[in-house]
Amino acid sequence: MSDAFAITILVIGVVGFIIIFRGMRGFDERGAEDAARTFYDEHGHWPDQTPEDAEAERAELARVYTLSEPDEYDRV
């Protein structure tokens, strides 16, 4: 009886390890981020943004932030 219990526990442990390992291998946060950056480089907006939303965000940022030119000493 104890041998059957030990084998059952061993099988459950191995199956659990395989499930956890496969789940962690499929969870690739960096890959999703790289794909989103590639999409941005190609299209000019993030995957969860519409082009109109991206243009409105750019206009708002341009209104708030201005670019400064360096002076004769290359200070901004």
Protein backbone atom coordinates (compact mmCIF):
# COMPACT_ATOMS: atom_id res chain seq x y z
CA MET A 1 0.00 0.00 0.00
CA SER A 2 2.76 2.46 0.86
CA ASP A 3 4.52 1.72 -2.46
CA ALA A 4 1.38 2.65 -4.39
CA PHE A 5 1.05 5.84 -2.39
CA ALA A 6 4.70 6.74 -3.01
CA ILE A 7 4.35 6.11 -6.75
CA THR A 8 1.17 8.21 -6.87
CA ILE A 9 2.88 11.09 -5.08
CA LEU A 10 5.87 10.78 -7.43
CA VAL A 11 3.65 10.90 -10.52
CA ILE A 12 1.73 13.90 -9.19
CA GLY A 13 5.03 15.68 -8.45
CA VAL A 14 6.47 14.99 -11.90
CA VAL A 15 3.27 16.09 -13.66
CA GLY A 16 3.15 19.23 -11.49
CA PHE A 17 6.77 20.03 -12.32
CA ILE A 18 6.10 19.62 -16.04
CA ILE A 19 3.05 21.89 -15.87
CA ILE A 20 4.95 24.57 -13.95
CA PHE A 21 7.97 24.33 -16.27
CA ARG A 22 5.84 24.61 -19.42
CA GLY A 23 3.89 27.51 -17.94
CA MET A 24 7.03 29.43 -17.05
CA ARG A 25 8.58 28.76 -20.43
CA GLY A 26 5.49 30.15 -22.18
CA PHE A 27 5.51 33.31 -20.04
CA ASP A 28 7.94 35.55 -21.90
CA GLU A 29 7.41 39.16 -20.88
CA ARG A 30 10.46 40.40 -22.77
CA GLY A 31 9.34 38.79 -26.01
CA ALA A 32 6.00 40.61 -25.85
CA GLU A 33 7.79 43.89 -25.13
CA ASP A 34 10.16 43.39 -28.05
CA ALA A 35 7.23 42.62 -30.34
CA ALA A 36 5.46 45.81 -29.19
CA ARG A 37 8.60 47.89 -29.82
CA THR A 38 8.97 46.39 -33.30
CA PHE A 39 5.32 47.23 -34.00
CA TYR A 40 5.94 50.81 -32.80
CA ASP A 41 8.99 51.16 -35.06
CA GLU A 42 7.00 49.97 -38.08
CA HIS A 43 3.70 51.78 -37.47
CA GLY A 44 4.51 54.78 -35.28
CA HIS A 45 2.08 53.85 -32.49
CA TRP A 46 1.76 51.15 -29.85
CA PRO A 47 -0.31 48.03 -30.60
CA ASP A 48 -3.03 49.03 -28.11
CA GLN A 49 -3.29 52.58 -29.54
CA THR A 50 -5.13 53.87 -32.55
CA PRO A 51 -3.18 56.17 -34.88
CA GLU A 52 -5.49 59.02 -33.87
CA ASP A 53 -4.74 58.47 -30.16
CA ALA A 54 -1.01 58.42 -30.89
CA GLU A 55 -1.21 61.67 -32.84
CA ALA A 56 -3.20 63.33 -30.05
CA GLU A 57 -0.61 62.18 -27.50
CA ARG A 58 2.23 63.55 -29.65
CA ALA A 59 0.42 66.90 -30.00
CA GLU A 60 -0.11 67.10 -26.23
CA LEU A 61 3.54 66.29 -25.54
CA ALA A 62 4.70 68.86 -28.11
CA ARG A 63 2.53 71.46 -26.38
CA VAL A 64 3.96 70.68 -22.94
CA TYR A 65 7.61 70.03 -23.79
CA THR A 66 9.68 72.32 -25.97
CA LEU A 67 13.10 71.67 -27.40
CA SER A 68 15.85 74.03 -26.38
CA GLU A 69 18.77 75.06 -28.53
CA PRO A 70 22.25 75.06 -27.00
CA ASP A 71 23.94 78.39 -26.40
CA GLU A 72 27.46 79.27 -27.53
CA TYR A 73 28.87 77.10 -24.71
CA ASP A 74 26.75 74.10 -25.74
CA ARG A 75 24.59 74.43 -22.63
CA VAL A 76 20.87 73.90 -22.87
